[in-house]
Amino acid sequence: NFSAQLQPVDWQRIAFGYWEKQRYKEGALAYAKAPQTAQTAYRTARGLQLANEKQKAMAAYQKMIKAYPQAQETPLALSKLASLEKDLNQATQYSDRALQLSQDQQPPLAAQILWEQIQRLQKAQRPSQSLQKTLLQKFSQTDSAATLRWQQVEKQQKAGNVKDARQLALQIQDQNPHSPQAASAVFWAGKWSSAEERQRAFKTLWKTY
């Protein structure tokens, strides 16, 4: 049996090959036989998740988090576990812990974790204003903050509050000029402005995007 002759380092190379080819289930099984680190344990769980093995993925994430509670990969593992958890209160606990671990060392990830939790609360029709405030104030220049701002732009536009929508669009232009929403924000801020401001906005759009 050829596989019986393979060493853990061989399994790591095999797992990486599967991962690169997006064969995630095979990659997960191979990573489970590789030398165990926070990264290989995370990839075992993530591979199972991407292969739609939900229960196995949750168990693997929990095992990884228990084994490596302070690792760099642990906040991301907690956020993925939260995304799989049906119980909102339990998902919130995972998300809170992920945020606590990532907010100082990994701000973009912390912002993403906040945004995902906001979406869960919105879907459940639960209040999320305090989390929105934290995202916009503490992680203002992240893409996740830009995504939230754009959601608010669309909400104000639909409500007919063009002035407020324009102010939010200008915030994206100021705080998130490299975000995916920036070009649209500049366009609409210009469209909702005076003729002189509109001309200035379209010049910015032409030069920058």
C-alpha atoms as a PDB file:
ATOM      1  CA  ASN A   1       0.000   0.000   0.000  1.00  0.00           C
ATOM      2  CA  PHE A   2       1.707   3.162  -1.250  1.00  0.00           C
ATOM      3  CA  SER A   3      -0.161   5.515   1.085  1.00  0.00           C
ATOM      4  CA  ALA A   4       1.055   3.555   4.118  1.00  0.00           C
ATOM      5  CA  GLN A   5       4.631   4.423   3.154  1.00  0.00           C
ATOM      6  CA  LEU A   6       3.995   8.167   3.100  1.00  0.00           C
ATOM      7  CA  GLN A   7       5.326  10.357   5.894  1.00  0.00           C
ATOM      8  CA  PRO A   8       3.413  13.342   7.390  1.00  0.00           C
ATOM      9  CA  VAL A   9       5.555  15.799   5.358  1.00  0.00           C
ATOM     10  CA  ASP A  10       4.568  13.913   2.192  1.00  0.00           C
ATOM     11  CA  TRP A  11       0.896  14.300   3.107  1.00  0.00           C
ATOM     12  CA  GLN A  12       1.427  18.030   3.554  1.00  0.00           C
ATOM     13  CA  ARG A  13       2.751  18.337  -0.001  1.00  0.00           C
ATOM     14  CA  ILE A  14      -0.105  16.192  -1.324  1.00  0.00           C
ATOM     15  CA  ALA A  15      -2.637  18.269   0.618  1.00  0.00           C
ATOM     16  CA  PHE A  16      -1.229  21.507  -0.792  1.00  0.00           C
ATOM     17  CA  GLY A  17      -1.545  20.070  -4.319  1.00  0.00           C
ATOM     18  CA  TYR A  18      -5.195  19.178  -3.734  1.00  0.00           C
ATOM     19  CA  TRP A  19      -5.831  22.625  -2.236  1.00  0.00           C
ATOM     20  CA  GLU A  20      -4.327  24.387  -5.255  1.00  0.00           C
ATOM     21  CA  LYS A  21      -6.558  22.327  -7.564  1.00  0.00           C
ATOM     22  CA  GLN A  22      -9.605  23.179  -5.389  1.00  0.00           C
ATOM     23  CA  ARG A  23     -10.134  19.517  -4.530  1.00  0.00           C
ATOM     24  CA  TYR A  24     -10.962  20.472  -0.979  1.00  0.00           C
ATOM     25  CA  LYS A  25     -12.297  17.222   0.462  1.00  0.00           C
ATOM     26  CA  GLU A  26      -9.200  15.272  -0.604  1.00  0.00           C
ATOM     27  CA  GLY A  27      -7.105  18.192   0.653  1.00  0.00           C
ATOM     28  CA  ALA A  28      -8.828  18.117   4.029  1.00  0.00           C
ATOM     29  CA  LEU A  29      -8.191  14.394   4.451  1.00  0.00           C
ATOM     30  CA  ALA A  30      -4.549  14.848   3.457  1.00  0.00           C
ATOM     31  CA  TYR A  31      -4.026  17.824   5.783  1.00  0.00           C
ATOM     32  CA  ALA A  32      -5.371  15.696   8.648  1.00  0.00           C
ATOM     33  CA  LYS A  33      -2.389  13.352   8.075  1.00  0.00           C
ATOM     34  CA  ALA A  34       0.170  16.177   7.705  1.00  0.00           C
ATOM     35  CA  PRO A  35       2.290  17.552  10.590  1.00  0.00           C
ATOM     36  CA  GLN A  36      -0.251  19.288  12.780  1.00  0.00           C
ATOM     37  CA  THR A  37      -0.003  23.063  12.993  1.00  0.00           C
ATOM     38  CA  ALA A  38      -2.655  25.747  13.315  1.00  0.00           C
ATOM     39  CA  GLN A  39      -2.591  26.191   9.533  1.00  0.00           C
ATOM     40  CA  THR A  40      -2.954  22.513   8.633  1.00  0.00           C
ATOM     41  CA  ALA A  41      -5.694  22.077  11.253  1.00  0.00           C
ATOM     42  CA  TYR A  42      -7.516  25.120   9.846  1.00  0.00           C
ATOM     43  CA  ARG A  43      -7.224  23.838   6.295  1.00  0.00           C
ATOM     44  CA  THR A  44      -8.586  20.450   7.344  1.00  0.00           C
ATOM     45  CA  ALA A  45     -11.699  22.182   8.677  1.00  0.00           C
ATOM     46  CA  ARG A  46     -11.978  24.683   5.821  1.00  0.00           C
ATOM     47  CA  GLY A  47     -11.584  21.930   3.232  1.00  0.00           C
ATOM     48  CA  LEU A  48     -14.445  19.994   4.809  1.00  0.00           C
ATOM     49  CA  GLN A  49     -16.572  23.145   4.822  1.00  0.00           C
ATOM     50  CA  LEU A  50     -15.875  23.847   1.141  1.00  0.00           C
ATOM     51  CA  ALA A  51     -16.749  20.194   0.401  1.00  0.00           C
ATOM     52  CA  ASN A  52     -20.153  20.779   2.092  1.00  0.00           C
ATOM     53  CA  GLU A  53     -19.320  18.431   4.963  1.00  0.00           C
ATOM     54  CA  LYS A  54     -20.910  20.786   7.474  1.00  0.00           C
ATOM     55  CA  GLN A  55     -20.952  18.685  10.651  1.00  0.00           C
ATOM     56  CA  LYS A  56     -17.447  17.343  10.084  1.00  0.00           C
ATOM     57  CA  ALA A  57     -16.224  20.871   9.363  1.00  0.00           C
ATOM     58  CA  MET A  58     -17.741  22.214  12.590  1.00  0.00           C
ATOM     59  CA  ALA A  59     -16.109  19.433  14.602  1.00  0.00           C
ATOM     60  CA  ALA A  60     -12.765  20.106  12.901  1.00  0.00           C
ATOM     61  CA  TYR A  61     -12.979  23.847  13.569  1.00  0.00           C
ATOM     62  CA  GLN A  62     -13.787  23.190  17.238  1.00  0.00           C
ATOM     63  CA  LYS A  63     -10.857  20.778  17.509  1.00  0.00           C
ATOM     64  CA  MET A  64      -8.515  23.315  15.883  1.00  0.00           C
ATOM     65  CA  ILE A  65      -9.683  26.186  18.114  1.00  0.00           C
ATOM     66  CA  LYS A  66      -9.219  24.056  21.241  1.00  0.00           C
ATOM     67  CA  ALA A  67      -5.716  22.976  20.170  1.00  0.00           C
ATOM     68  CA  TYR A  68      -4.560  26.456  19.046  1.00  0.00           C
ATOM     69  CA  PRO A  69      -6.595  29.023  21.036  1.00  0.00           C
ATOM     70  CA  GLN A  70      -4.236  31.946  20.333  1.00  0.00           C
ATOM     71  CA  ALA A  71      -2.999  31.154  16.819  1.00  0.00           C
ATOM     72  CA  GLN A  72      -3.150  33.624  13.965  1.00  0.00           C
ATOM     73  CA  GLU A  73      -5.641  31.355  12.159  1.00  0.00           C
ATOM     74  CA  THR A  74      -7.952  31.001  15.176  1.00  0.00           C
ATOM     75  CA  PRO A  75     -10.068  34.180  14.656  1.00  0.00           C
ATOM     76  CA  LEU A  76     -10.759  33.107  11.073  1.00  0.00           C
ATOM     77  CA  ALA A  77     -11.654  29.591  12.245  1.00  0.00           C
ATOM     78  CA  LEU A  78     -14.065  31.072  14.799  1.00  0.00           C
ATOM     79  CA  SER A  79     -15.671  33.265  12.150  1.00  0.00           C
ATOM     80  CA  LYS A  80     -16.138  30.279   9.813  1.00  0.00           C
ATOM     81  CA  LEU A  81     -17.580  28.270  12.698  1.00  0.00           C
ATOM     82  CA  ALA A  82     -19.995  31.137  13.401  1.00  0.00           C
ATOM     83  CA  SER A  83     -21.103  31.091   9.761  1.00  0.00           C
ATOM     84  CA  LEU A  84     -22.003  27.383  10.077  1.00  0.00           C
ATOM     85  CA  GLU A  85     -23.786  27.694  13.426  1.00  0.00           C
ATOM     86  CA  LYS A  86     -27.599  27.792  13.221  1.00  0.00           C
ATOM     87  CA  ASP A  87     -28.093  29.091  16.772  1.00  0.00           C
ATOM     88  CA  LEU A  88     -27.680  32.885  16.646  1.00  0.00           C
ATOM     89  CA  ASN A  89     -26.595  33.220  20.274  1.00  0.00           C
ATOM     90  CA  GLN A  90     -23.886  30.576  19.847  1.00  0.00           C
ATOM     91  CA  ALA A  91     -22.778  32.167  16.565  1.00  0.00           C
ATOM     92  CA  THR A  92     -22.548  35.510  18.370  1.00  0.00           C
ATOM     93  CA  GLN A  93     -20.292  33.972  21.029  1.00  0.00           C
ATOM     94  CA  TYR A  94     -17.940  32.619  18.351  1.00  0.00           C
ATOM     95  CA  SER A  95     -17.993  35.964  16.553  1.00  0.00           C
ATOM     96  CA  ASP A  96     -17.294  37.946  19.740  1.00  0.00           C
ATOM     97  CA  ARG A  97     -14.317  35.745  20.565  1.00  0.00           C
ATOM     98  CA  ALA A  98     -13.017  36.039  16.986  1.00  0.00           C
ATOM     99  CA  LEU A  99     -13.298  39.819  17.187  1.00  0.00           C
ATOM    100  CA  GLN A 100     -11.490  39.919  20.522  1.00  0.00           C
ATOM    101  CA  LEU A 101      -8.576  37.925  19.075  1.00  0.00           C
ATOM    102  CA  SER A 102      -8.307  39.844  15.789  1.00  0.00           C
ATOM    103  CA  GLN A 103      -9.138  43.496  16.495  1.00  0.00           C
ATOM    104  CA  ASP A 104      -5.584  44.575  17.383  1.00  0.00           C
ATOM    105  CA  GLN A 105      -3.450  42.347  15.142  1.00  0.00           C
ATOM    106  CA  GLN A 106      -5.734  41.776  12.134  1.00  0.00           C
ATOM    107  CA  PRO A 107      -8.023  44.831  11.661  1.00  0.00           C
ATOM    108  CA  PRO A 108      -9.339  43.886   8.167  1.00  0.00           C
ATOM    109  CA  LEU A 109     -10.350  40.449   9.486  1.00  0.00           C
ATOM    110  CA  ALA A 110     -11.946  42.024  12.579  1.00  0.00           C
ATOM    111  CA  ALA A 111     -13.952  44.333  10.318  1.00  0.00           C
ATOM    112  CA  GLN A 112     -15.055  41.376   8.187  1.00  0.00           C
ATOM    113  CA  ILE A 113     -16.132  39.471  11.324  1.00  0.00           C
ATOM    114  CA  LEU A 114     -18.175  42.486  12.459  1.00  0.00           C
ATOM    115  CA  TRP A 115     -19.829  42.827   9.041  1.00  0.00           C
ATOM    116  CA  GLU A 116     -20.755  39.126   8.970  1.00  0.00           C
ATOM    117  CA  GLN A 117     -22.275  39.396  12.448  1.00  0.00           C
ATOM    118  CA  ILE A 118     -24.224  42.506  11.403  1.00  0.00           C
ATOM    119  CA  GLN A 119     -25.629  40.550   8.453  1.00  0.00           C
ATOM    120  CA  ARG A 120     -26.675  37.672  10.726  1.00  0.00           C
ATOM    121  CA  LEU A 121     -28.462  40.078  13.065  1.00  0.00           C
ATOM    122  CA  GLN A 122     -30.151  41.882  10.167  1.00  0.00           C
ATOM    123  CA  LYS A 123     -31.351  38.571   8.741  1.00  0.00           C
ATOM    124  CA  ALA A 124     -32.812  37.670  12.145  1.00  0.00           C
ATOM    125  CA  GLN A 125     -34.307  41.181  12.402  1.00  0.00           C
ATOM    126  CA  ARG A 126     -32.262  41.868  15.528  1.00  0.00           C
ATOM    127  CA  PRO A 127     -30.738  45.293  16.307  1.00  0.00           C
ATOM    128  CA  SER A 128     -27.175  45.759  15.049  1.00  0.00           C
ATOM    129  CA  GLN A 129     -26.654  49.518  15.466  1.00  0.00           C
ATOM    130  CA  SER A 130     -23.921  49.187  18.103  1.00  0.00           C
ATOM    131  CA  LEU A 131     -21.921  46.822  15.885  1.00  0.00           C
ATOM    132  CA  GLN A 132     -22.432  49.116  12.903  1.00  0.00           C
ATOM    133  CA  LYS A 133     -21.127  52.041  14.959  1.00  0.00           C
ATOM    134  CA  THR A 134     -18.040  50.033  15.998  1.00  0.00           C
ATOM    135  CA  LEU A 135     -17.347  49.004  12.402  1.00  0.00           C
ATOM    136  CA  LEU A 136     -17.645  52.547  11.048  1.00  0.00           C
ATOM    137  CA  GLN A 137     -15.668  54.189  13.852  1.00  0.00           C
ATOM    138  CA  LYS A 138     -12.946  51.692  14.725  1.00  0.00           C
ATOM    139  CA  PHE A 139     -12.419  50.119  11.293  1.00  0.00           C
ATOM    140  CA  SER A 140     -13.508  53.025   9.123  1.00  0.00           C
ATOM    141  CA  GLN A 141     -11.017  52.498   6.287  1.00  0.00           C
ATOM    142  CA  THR A 142     -11.708  48.795   5.685  1.00  0.00           C
ATOM    143  CA  ASP A 143     -13.646  47.344   2.758  1.00  0.00           C
ATOM    144  CA  SER A 144     -16.198  45.974   5.225  1.00  0.00           C
ATOM    145  CA  ALA A 145     -16.930  49.523   6.419  1.00  0.00           C
ATOM    146  CA  ALA A 146     -17.338  50.581   2.777  1.00  0.00           C
ATOM    147  CA  THR A 147     -19.810  47.740   2.219  1.00  0.00           C
ATOM    148  CA  LEU A 148     -21.856  48.833   5.242  1.00  0.00           C
ATOM    149  CA  ARG A 149     -21.775  52.469   4.108  1.00  0.00           C
ATOM    150  CA  TRP A 150     -22.976  51.475   0.648  1.00  0.00           C
ATOM    151  CA  GLN A 151     -25.827  49.475   2.192  1.00  0.00           C
ATOM    152  CA  GLN A 152     -26.789  52.636   4.089  1.00  0.00           C
ATOM    153  CA  VAL A 153     -26.512  54.733   0.903  1.00  0.00           C
ATOM    154  CA  GLU A 154     -29.002  52.439  -0.835  1.00  0.00           C
ATOM    155  CA  LYS A 155     -31.321  52.472   2.177  1.00  0.00           C
ATOM    156  CA  GLN A 156     -31.359  56.294   2.324  1.00  0.00           C
ATOM    157  CA  GLN A 157     -31.825  56.537  -1.451  1.00  0.00           C
ATOM    158  CA  LYS A 158     -34.836  54.200  -1.369  1.00  0.00           C
ATOM    159  CA  ALA A 159     -36.332  56.258   1.462  1.00  0.00           C
ATOM    160  CA  GLY A 160     -35.939  59.413  -0.633  1.00  0.00           C
ATOM    161  CA  ASN A 161     -33.269  60.899   1.669  1.00  0.00           C
ATOM    162  CA  VAL A 162     -30.920  61.970  -1.118  1.00  0.00           C
ATOM    163  CA  LYS A 163     -29.002  64.418   1.067  1.00  0.00           C
ATOM    164  CA  ASP A 164     -28.134  61.706   3.630  1.00  0.00           C
ATOM    165  CA  ALA A 165     -27.358  59.210   0.857  1.00  0.00           C
ATOM    166  CA  ARG A 166     -24.942  61.715  -0.698  1.00  0.00           C
ATOM    167  CA  GLN A 167     -23.170  62.314   2.636  1.00  0.00           C
ATOM    168  CA  LEU A 168     -22.661  58.575   3.083  1.00  0.00           C
ATOM    169  CA  ALA A 169     -21.373  58.267  -0.485  1.00  0.00           C
ATOM    170  CA  LEU A 170     -18.904  61.075   0.218  1.00  0.00           C
ATOM    171  CA  GLN A 171     -17.709  59.166   3.294  1.00  0.00           C
ATOM    172  CA  ILE A 172     -16.870  56.202   1.049  1.00  0.00           C
ATOM    173  CA  GLN A 173     -14.974  58.538  -1.280  1.00  0.00           C
ATOM    174  CA  ASP A 174     -13.048  59.935   1.704  1.00  0.00           C
ATOM    175  CA  GLN A 175     -12.513  56.855   3.893  1.00  0.00           C
ATOM    176  CA  ASN A 176     -12.615  53.997   1.373  1.00  0.00           C
ATOM    177  CA  PRO A 177     -11.250  55.337  -1.953  1.00  0.00           C
ATOM    178  CA  HIS A 178      -9.843  51.929  -2.982  1.00  0.00           C
ATOM    179  CA  SER A 179     -12.915  49.862  -2.075  1.00  0.00           C
ATOM    180  CA  PRO A 180     -15.097  48.105  -4.677  1.00  0.00           C
ATOM    181  CA  GLN A 181     -17.885  50.620  -3.937  1.00  0.00           C
ATOM    182  CA  ALA A 182     -15.742  53.757  -4.383  1.00  0.00           C
ATOM    183  CA  ALA A 183     -16.378  54.419  -8.079  1.00  0.00           C
ATOM    184  CA  SER A 184     -20.147  54.062  -7.656  1.00  0.00           C
ATOM    185  CA  ALA A 185     -20.028  56.286  -4.569  1.00  0.00           C
ATOM    186  CA  VAL A 186     -18.204  59.054  -6.461  1.00  0.00           C
ATOM    187  CA  PHE A 187     -20.653  58.766  -9.366  1.00  0.00           C
ATOM    188  CA  TRP A 188     -23.777  59.020  -7.213  1.00  0.00           C
ATOM    189  CA  ALA A 189     -22.371  61.692  -4.903  1.00  0.00           C
ATOM    190  CA  GLY A 190     -21.731  63.716  -8.042  1.00  0.00           C
ATOM    191  CA  LYS A 191     -25.161  63.034  -9.494  1.00  0.00           C
ATOM    192  CA  TRP A 192     -26.867  64.137  -6.275  1.00  0.00           C
ATOM    193  CA  SER A 193     -24.858  67.396  -6.012  1.00  0.00           C
ATOM    194  CA  SER A 194     -24.878  70.888  -7.508  1.00  0.00           C
ATOM    195  CA  ALA A 195     -23.662  71.437 -11.078  1.00  0.00           C
ATOM    196  CA  GLU A 196     -20.218  72.623  -9.900  1.00  0.00           C
ATOM    197  CA  GLU A 197     -19.798  69.738  -7.421  1.00  0.00           C
ATOM    198  CA  ARG A 198     -21.045  67.300 -10.068  1.00  0.00           C
ATOM    199  CA  GLN A 199     -18.371  68.429 -12.506  1.00  0.00           C
ATOM    200  CA  ARG A 200     -15.696  68.051  -9.797  1.00  0.00           C
ATOM    201  CA  ALA A 201     -16.951  64.554  -8.902  1.00  0.00           C
ATOM    202  CA  PHE A 202     -16.903  63.377 -12.516  1.00  0.00           C
ATOM    203  CA  LYS A 203     -13.339  64.692 -12.905  1.00  0.00           C
ATOM    204  CA  THR A 204     -12.355  62.624  -9.858  1.00  0.00           C
ATOM    205  CA  LEU A 205     -14.130  59.596 -11.338  1.00  0.00           C
ATOM    206  CA  TRP A 206     -12.339  60.044 -14.666  1.00  0.00           C
ATOM    207  CA  LYS A 207      -8.885  60.478 -13.104  1.00  0.00           C
ATOM    208  CA  THR A 208      -9.106  57.868 -10.377  1.00  0.00           C
ATOM    209  CA  TYR A 209     -11.343  55.058 -11.611  1.00  0.00           C
END
